[in-house]
Protein backbone atom coordinates (compact mmCIF):
# COMPACT_ATOMS: atom_id res chain seq x y z
CA MET A 1 10.60 -22.81 -11.32
CA LEU A 2 14.28 -22.33 -11.47
CA TYR A 3 14.44 -23.95 -8.12
CA LEU A 4 13.66 -27.32 -9.90
CA LEU A 5 16.91 -27.15 -11.72
CA HIS A 6 18.70 -28.47 -8.63
CA TYR A 7 17.32 -31.85 -9.36
CA PHE A 8 19.70 -32.04 -12.26
CA HIS A 9 22.77 -31.29 -10.37
CA HIS A 10 24.09 -34.76 -10.92
CA ASP A 11 24.33 -34.04 -14.64
CA PHE A 12 25.29 -30.38 -14.30
CA SER A 13 27.09 -29.61 -11.10
CA ALA A 14 26.41 -25.88 -11.48
CA PHE A 15 22.71 -26.66 -10.91
CA ASN A 16 23.53 -27.51 -7.21
CA LEU A 17 23.52 -23.71 -6.59
CA PHE A 18 19.72 -23.66 -6.95
CA ARG A 19 19.51 -25.64 -3.77
CA TYR A 20 20.69 -22.78 -1.65
CA ILE A 21 18.35 -20.28 -0.24
CA THR A 22 21.12 -17.66 -0.09
CA PHE A 23 21.81 -18.00 -3.81
CA ARG A 24 18.25 -17.85 -4.72
CA THR A 25 17.59 -14.88 -2.36
CA ILE A 26 20.36 -12.81 -3.94
CA TYR A 27 19.12 -13.47 -7.61
CA ALA A 28 15.43 -12.98 -6.57
CA SER A 29 16.34 -9.60 -5.20
CA LEU A 30 18.32 -8.62 -8.19
CA SER A 31 15.59 -9.91 -10.67
CA ALA A 32 13.06 -7.87 -8.85
CA LEU A 33 15.20 -4.67 -9.00
CA VAL A 34 15.95 -5.12 -12.63
CA LEU A 35 12.35 -5.85 -13.62
CA VAL A 36 11.11 -2.80 -11.85
CA LEU A 37 13.82 -0.53 -13.38
CA LEU A 38 13.11 -1.87 -16.89
CA PHE A 39 9.32 -1.63 -16.84
CA GLY A 40 9.00 1.45 -14.59
CA PRO A 41 9.13 4.05 -17.50
CA PHE A 42 6.65 1.98 -19.44
CA MET A 43 4.22 1.88 -16.41
CA ILE A 44 4.62 5.67 -15.76
CA ARG A 45 3.71 6.36 -19.37
CA LEU A 46 0.76 4.03 -19.13
CA LEU A 47 -0.58 5.67 -15.99
CA VAL A 48 -0.18 9.17 -17.60
CA ARG A 49 -1.93 8.04 -20.69
CA PHE A 50 -4.91 6.83 -18.81
CA GLN A 51 -4.79 9.97 -16.63
CA ILE A 52 -4.46 8.01 -13.37
CA GLY A 53 -3.22 10.92 -11.25
CA GLN A 54 -2.84 11.70 -7.51
CA GLU A 55 -5.48 13.72 -5.85
CA VAL A 56 -4.10 16.16 -3.25
CA ARG A 57 -5.85 17.52 -0.01
CA ASP A 58 -6.30 21.28 -0.02
CA ASP A 59 -6.00 21.48 3.73
CA GLY A 60 -2.51 19.86 3.78
CA PRO A 61 0.92 21.54 3.16
CA GLN A 62 0.69 23.89 0.20
CA SER A 63 3.88 22.52 -1.22
CA HIS A 64 1.92 19.23 -2.05
CA LEU A 65 -0.43 21.05 -4.52
CA SER A 66 2.22 20.85 -7.09
CA LYS A 67 1.99 16.94 -6.95
CA LYS A 68 -1.56 16.86 -8.08
CA GLY A 69 -1.75 14.69 -11.20
CA THR A 70 1.37 12.78 -10.58
CA PRO A 71 0.86 9.15 -11.73
CA THR A 72 -0.32 6.92 -8.88
CA MET A 73 -1.24 3.18 -8.57
CA GLY A 74 2.43 2.47 -9.29
CA GLY A 75 2.22 -0.35 -6.64
CA ILE A 76 0.96 -2.47 -9.56
CA LEU A 77 4.73 -2.31 -10.74
CA ILE A 78 5.78 -3.47 -7.29
CA LEU A 79 3.51 -6.48 -7.16
CA ILE A 80 4.71 -7.62 -10.62
CA GLY A 81 8.27 -7.08 -9.52
CA ILE A 82 7.75 -9.29 -6.57
CA MET A 83 5.59 -12.01 -8.09
CA ILE A 84 7.68 -12.94 -11.04
CA PRO A 85 10.98 -13.34 -9.17
CA VAL A 86 9.25 -15.43 -6.38
CA LEU A 87 7.62 -17.72 -9.12
CA LEU A 88 11.01 -18.00 -10.61
CA TRP A 89 13.33 -18.57 -7.74
CA ALA A 90 11.21 -19.80 -4.69
CA ASP A 91 10.12 -23.38 -3.83
CA LEU A 92 6.52 -23.24 -4.80
CA SER A 93 5.61 -26.27 -2.83
CA ASN A 94 6.24 -24.17 0.22
CA ARG A 95 3.00 -23.18 1.92
CA PHE A 96 4.53 -20.19 3.68
CA VAL A 97 5.58 -18.70 0.30
CA TRP A 98 1.88 -18.79 -0.77
CA MET A 99 0.56 -17.40 2.55
CA VAL A 100 2.62 -14.27 1.97
CA LEU A 101 1.74 -13.97 -1.68
CA VAL A 102 -2.02 -14.40 -0.86
CA ALA A 103 -1.50 -11.55 1.78
CA LEU A 104 0.26 -9.52 -0.82
CA LEU A 105 -2.22 -9.92 -3.62
CA GLY A 106 -5.29 -9.97 -1.46
CA ASN A 107 -4.44 -6.58 0.17
CA GLY A 108 -3.20 -5.38 -3.10
CA ALA A 109 -6.71 -6.00 -4.61
CA ILE A 110 -8.45 -4.21 -1.88
CA GLY A 111 -6.08 -1.32 -2.45
CA PHE A 112 -6.71 -1.46 -6.12
CA LEU A 113 -10.38 -1.31 -5.54
CA ASP A 114 -9.94 1.67 -3.21
CA ASP A 115 -7.76 3.43 -5.84
CA TYR A 116 -10.14 2.73 -8.71
CA LEU A 117 -13.09 4.13 -6.87
CA LYS A 118 -11.13 7.34 -5.96
CA ILE A 119 -9.18 7.97 -9.04
CA ILE A 120 -11.12 6.42 -11.94
CA ARG A 121 -14.70 6.41 -10.81
CA LYS A 122 -14.06 9.83 -8.89
CA GLN A 123 -15.59 8.72 -5.63
CA SER A 124 -13.56 10.91 -3.29
CA LYS A 125 -13.74 8.59 -0.27
CA GLY A 126 -13.08 5.36 -2.42
CA LEU A 127 -13.94 2.38 -0.17
CA LEU A 128 -15.84 3.31 2.96
CA ALA A 129 -14.01 2.53 6.21
CA TRP A 130 -16.37 -0.34 7.12
CA GLN A 131 -16.03 -1.84 3.73
CA LYS A 132 -12.30 -1.84 3.73
CA PHE A 133 -12.25 -3.24 7.41
CA LEU A 134 -14.71 -6.00 6.38
CA LEU A 135 -12.67 -7.06 3.37
CA GLN A 136 -9.37 -6.99 5.41
CA THR A 137 -10.96 -8.96 8.19
CA VAL A 138 -12.23 -11.60 5.94
CA LEU A 139 -8.82 -11.95 4.27
CA GLY A 140 -7.03 -11.86 7.58
CA LEU A 141 -9.26 -14.55 8.94
CA MET A 142 -8.57 -16.76 6.02
CA LEU A 143 -4.91 -16.44 6.21
CA SER A 144 -4.96 -16.89 10.16
CA ILE A 145 -6.97 -20.10 9.85
CA TRP A 146 -4.67 -21.42 7.12
CA PHE A 147 -1.62 -20.70 9.23
CA VAL A 148 -3.17 -22.27 12.47
CA GLU A 149 -4.34 -25.37 10.58
CA THR A 150 -0.84 -26.13 9.16
CA SER A 151 1.28 -24.76 12.04
CA PRO A 152 -0.98 -25.11 15.23
CA ASP A 153 1.53 -23.34 17.54
CA THR A 154 -0.36 -20.19 18.85
CA ARG A 155 2.32 -18.92 21.25
CA ILE A 156 3.85 -15.44 20.76
CA ILE A 157 7.41 -14.29 21.43
CA ILE A 158 7.98 -11.27 23.59
CA PRO A 159 11.10 -9.27 22.68
CA PHE A 160 13.94 -9.38 25.29
CA PHE A 161 12.44 -12.39 27.20
CA LYS A 162 13.15 -16.00 26.46
CA ALA A 163 10.88 -17.84 29.07
CA ILE A 164 7.74 -15.77 28.41
CA ASN A 165 5.85 -17.08 25.58
CA PRO A 166 2.06 -16.91 26.20
CA ASP A 167 -0.26 -19.20 24.36
CA LEU A 168 -3.11 -17.20 22.88
CA GLY A 169 -5.17 -20.26 21.84
CA ILE A 170 -8.38 -19.24 20.10
CA PHE A 171 -7.60 -15.58 20.54
CA PHE A 172 -4.56 -16.01 18.16
CA LEU A 173 -7.05 -15.60 15.26
CA PRO A 174 -8.10 -12.05 16.07
CA PHE A 175 -4.55 -11.15 17.03
CA ALA A 176 -3.31 -12.42 13.73
CA ILE A 177 -6.03 -10.48 11.84
CA GLY A 178 -5.10 -7.30 13.67
CA VAL A 179 -1.30 -7.82 12.80
CA ILE A 180 -2.08 -8.12 9.22
CA SER A 181 -4.67 -5.56 8.63
CA GLY A 182 -2.95 -3.23 11.14
CA THR A 183 0.44 -3.30 9.37
CA SER A 184 -1.23 -2.94 6.00
CA ASN A 185 -3.10 0.25 7.11
CA ALA A 186 -0.08 1.61 8.93
CA VAL A 187 2.04 1.42 5.78
CA ASN A 188 -0.71 2.97 3.87
CA LEU A 189 -0.83 6.00 6.32
CA THR A 190 2.99 6.46 6.01
CA ASP A 191 2.73 6.65 2.29
CA GLY A 192 2.21 10.41 2.30
CA LEU A 193 5.58 11.87 1.04
CA ASP A 194 7.94 10.98 -1.91
CA GLY A 195 9.77 7.78 -1.02
CA LEU A 196 8.65 8.10 2.77
CA ALA A 197 6.93 4.73 3.05
CA ILE A 198 9.10 2.57 0.49
CA GLY A 199 12.37 3.31 2.38
CA PRO A 200 11.19 1.77 5.70
CA VAL A 201 9.56 -1.08 3.60
CA ILE A 202 13.01 -1.86 2.12
CA VAL A 203 14.61 -1.75 5.68
CA VAL A 204 11.89 -4.05 7.20
CA SER A 205 11.89 -6.44 4.22
CA MET A 206 15.63 -6.90 4.54
CA SER A 207 15.28 -7.43 8.32
CA PHE A 208 12.68 -10.19 7.63
CA LEU A 209 15.10 -11.70 4.98
CA ILE A 210 17.47 -12.33 7.91
CA ILE A 211 14.77 -13.22 10.45
CA SER A 212 13.23 -15.82 8.00
CA TYR A 213 16.49 -17.45 7.32
CA LEU A 214 17.35 -17.78 10.95
CA THR A 215 13.94 -19.13 11.95
CA GLY A 216 13.96 -21.68 9.13
CA ASN A 217 17.51 -22.89 9.89
CA GLN A 218 17.55 -25.57 12.56
CA VAL A 219 20.99 -24.73 13.79
CA PHE A 220 20.60 -20.95 14.09
CA ALA A 221 17.09 -21.21 15.54
CA HIS A 222 18.46 -23.61 18.35
CA TYR A 223 21.42 -21.35 18.90
CA LEU A 224 19.25 -18.29 19.34
CA GLU A 225 16.44 -20.27 21.12
CA LEU A 226 13.74 -19.20 18.48
CA PRO A 227 10.79 -21.30 17.77
CA GLY A 228 12.17 -23.19 14.78
CA MET A 229 9.74 -23.05 11.86
CA PRO A 230 10.73 -25.71 9.14
CA GLY A 231 10.28 -24.06 5.71
CA ALA A 232 10.30 -20.45 7.04
CA GLY A 233 13.68 -19.92 5.40
CA GLU A 234 12.10 -19.93 1.98
CA LEU A 235 10.53 -16.57 2.97
CA SER A 236 13.93 -15.06 2.52
CA ILE A 237 13.30 -15.15 -1.16
CA VAL A 238 10.05 -13.48 -0.87
CA ALA A 239 11.54 -10.78 1.50
CA GLY A 240 14.52 -10.35 -0.95
CA ALA A 241 12.11 -9.91 -3.88
CA MET A 242 10.03 -7.31 -1.87
CA ALA A 243 13.33 -5.33 -1.07
CA GLY A 244 14.52 -5.55 -4.66
CA ALA A 245 11.29 -4.42 -6.10
CA SER A 246 10.86 -1.69 -3.52
CA LEU A 247 14.41 -0.52 -4.29
CA GLY A 248 13.69 -0.26 -7.88
CA PHE A 249 10.38 1.57 -7.21
CA LEU A 250 12.29 4.08 -5.03
CA TRP A 251 14.27 4.95 -8.22
CA PHE A 252 11.04 6.55 -9.52
CA ASN A 253 9.43 7.39 -6.27
CA ALA A 254 12.39 9.33 -4.72
CA TYR A 255 11.92 13.07 -4.26
CA PRO A 256 10.55 14.67 -6.46
CA ALA A 257 8.42 11.50 -7.26
CA SER A 258 7.61 10.47 -10.79
CA VAL A 259 5.08 8.04 -9.55
CA PHE A 260 3.34 7.16 -6.26
CA MET A 261 2.41 3.45 -5.21
CA GLY A 262 -1.10 4.26 -4.25
CA ASP A 263 -3.17 2.06 -1.92
CA VAL A 264 -2.60 -0.95 -4.20
CA GLY A 265 1.06 -0.87 -3.21
CA ALA A 266 0.94 0.32 0.40
CA LEU A 267 -1.74 -2.05 1.48
CA ALA A 268 -0.16 -5.03 -0.29
CA LEU A 269 3.35 -4.43 1.13
CA GLY A 270 2.05 -3.92 4.60
CA GLY A 271 -0.17 -7.05 4.53
CA ALA A 272 2.78 -9.13 3.31
CA LEU A 273 4.97 -7.86 6.11
CA GLY A 274 2.39 -8.65 8.73
CA MET A 275 2.05 -12.11 7.37
CA MET A 276 5.77 -12.63 7.56
CA ALA A 277 5.78 -11.42 11.20
CA ILE A 278 3.15 -14.09 11.94
CA ILE A 279 4.96 -17.01 10.18
CA THR A 280 8.24 -16.21 11.87
CA ARG A 281 6.47 -15.61 15.34
CA GLN A 282 7.77 -11.93 15.45
CA GLU A 283 4.50 -10.15 15.64
CA LEU A 284 5.54 -8.01 18.60
CA LEU A 285 9.01 -7.34 17.42
CA LEU A 286 7.27 -5.79 14.28
CA LEU A 287 6.09 -3.15 16.61
CA ILE A 288 9.76 -2.06 17.01
CA LEU A 289 10.93 -2.97 13.63
CA GLY A 290 8.23 -1.17 11.89
CA GLY A 291 8.14 1.55 14.50
CA ILE A 292 7.87 4.29 11.70
CA PHE A 293 4.62 2.74 10.67
CA VAL A 294 3.42 2.33 14.21
CA ALA A 295 4.08 5.98 15.00
CA GLU A 296 2.22 7.22 11.87
CA ALA A 297 -0.77 5.01 12.81
CA LEU A 298 -0.75 6.09 16.45
CA SER A 299 -0.66 9.71 15.41
CA VAL A 300 -3.80 9.36 13.42
CA ILE A 301 -5.60 7.56 16.31
CA ALA A 302 -4.46 10.15 18.83
CA GLN A 303 -5.54 13.03 16.61
CA VAL A 304 -9.04 11.64 15.85
CA ALA A 305 -9.58 10.63 19.50
CA SER A 306 -8.48 13.93 20.87
CA TYR A 307 -10.56 15.97 18.63
CA LYS A 308 -13.63 13.74 19.37
CA ILE A 309 -13.19 13.89 23.06
CA ARG A 310 -11.60 17.30 23.74
CA LYS A 311 -12.34 19.11 20.40
CA LYS A 312 -8.64 19.86 20.23
CA ARG A 313 -5.88 18.50 18.06
CA VAL A 314 -2.67 17.14 19.60
CA LEU A 315 -0.79 17.60 16.16
CA ARG A 316 -0.71 20.25 13.60
CA MET A 317 -1.94 17.67 11.08
CA ALA A 318 -2.05 13.79 11.06
CA PRO A 319 -0.30 11.63 10.04
CA LEU A 320 2.88 12.47 11.89
CA HIS A 321 4.95 13.48 8.89
CA HIS A 322 2.53 16.26 8.01
CA HIS A 323 2.94 17.59 11.56
CA PHE A 324 6.77 17.96 11.05
CA GLU A 325 6.18 19.39 7.64
CA LEU A 326 3.99 22.16 8.95
CA GLY A 327 6.57 22.60 11.58
CA GLY A 328 8.94 23.78 8.96
CA VAL A 329 11.08 20.66 8.18
CA SER A 330 11.62 20.33 4.55
CA GLU A 331 10.21 17.28 2.84
CA PRO A 332 13.56 15.70 1.46
CA LYS A 333 15.13 16.26 5.14
CA LEU A 334 12.05 14.72 6.71
CA ILE A 335 12.15 11.68 4.44
CA VAL A 336 15.80 10.93 5.01
CA ARG A 337 15.37 11.32 8.77
CA PHE A 338 12.50 8.91 8.78
CA TRP A 339 14.74 6.40 6.83
CA ILE A 340 17.55 6.81 9.39
CA VAL A 341 15.11 6.01 12.28
CA ALA A 342 13.88 3.11 10.39
CA LEU A 343 17.48 1.72 9.96
CA VAL A 344 18.11 2.28 13.71
CA LEU A 345 14.93 0.43 14.71
CA ALA A 346 15.89 -2.44 12.48
CA LEU A 347 19.23 -2.71 14.14
CA VAL A 348 17.73 -2.75 17.62
CA SER A 349 15.22 -5.28 16.46
CA LEU A 350 17.77 -7.77 15.13
CA SER A 351 19.77 -7.30 18.27
CA THR A 352 16.78 -8.59 20.38
CA LEU A 353 17.06 -12.04 18.67
CA LYS A 354 20.27 -12.44 20.83
CA ILE A 355 19.62 -10.04 23.71
CA ARG A 356 16.82 -12.27 25.40
């Protein structure tokens, strides 16, 4: 809504600032950070009051037993922290902004339902795997069709290669569904230690802030030989709000955590990042950029497959962070090391925009 103030710049020259994506991105990020920091204590007290606490597996690291009862579903706070700044600072006529918000809220709703069944209704498994898969597939299909109908380019970019841009045609739809639901679930699997998932989410969000701006800017897109996507630059504001809200949440989620995001937060953030990757045509780059999430997801797939086929485990415990924990790495050290890896992967990913 504040974006509309630029129409009055002839009367008040200061309002001209609201035209610029860079200015609005900065203040969307700061708005999200301040909102989460201000309302975080209230949200935590509310979750405690309604006894919405984390359940802990008995077969995991014994140090985790002390976390039982820690308030969860704090992802609601992140969603609020993203939505309000985006509605304030973004151009709401931009279809890409709404695509990411639908991905965010749609996956958040699925996560909320899963958390509700597990924590409030005391159904230990929450949503069954097929139910979650069906809901995510329907949501992903809707978003994919929406994108293709408005931006019919179904080519994909292969990192490090300029001239190789295969056109997936009709197969782009299942590919896009896989990107959205896969990223969503991968972030959810990573969310197993205090601040472990939210750190890489901040790094990836900041990376998409840059990628979105470059993709939506005709000059930079032409210089880097990226497929220009007019309007994609507005996603910088959404990515900035995600980074700001996530940074604010980390204040409370850092070790030892006062609150966990739950599925409502992890699925939502992952879905939004997947949708950003599709819009900016960096779906394959997301494999490098979100390498932490990919490694966590692959560790679960490898563990399950190995046990079913060979009746042997390849890891002490899946996901991957539990394997290192049981190997003797302390939780705080493990978390920071994962953050460092996420930052390195982000730098490598951004370099590929030029090294092609």
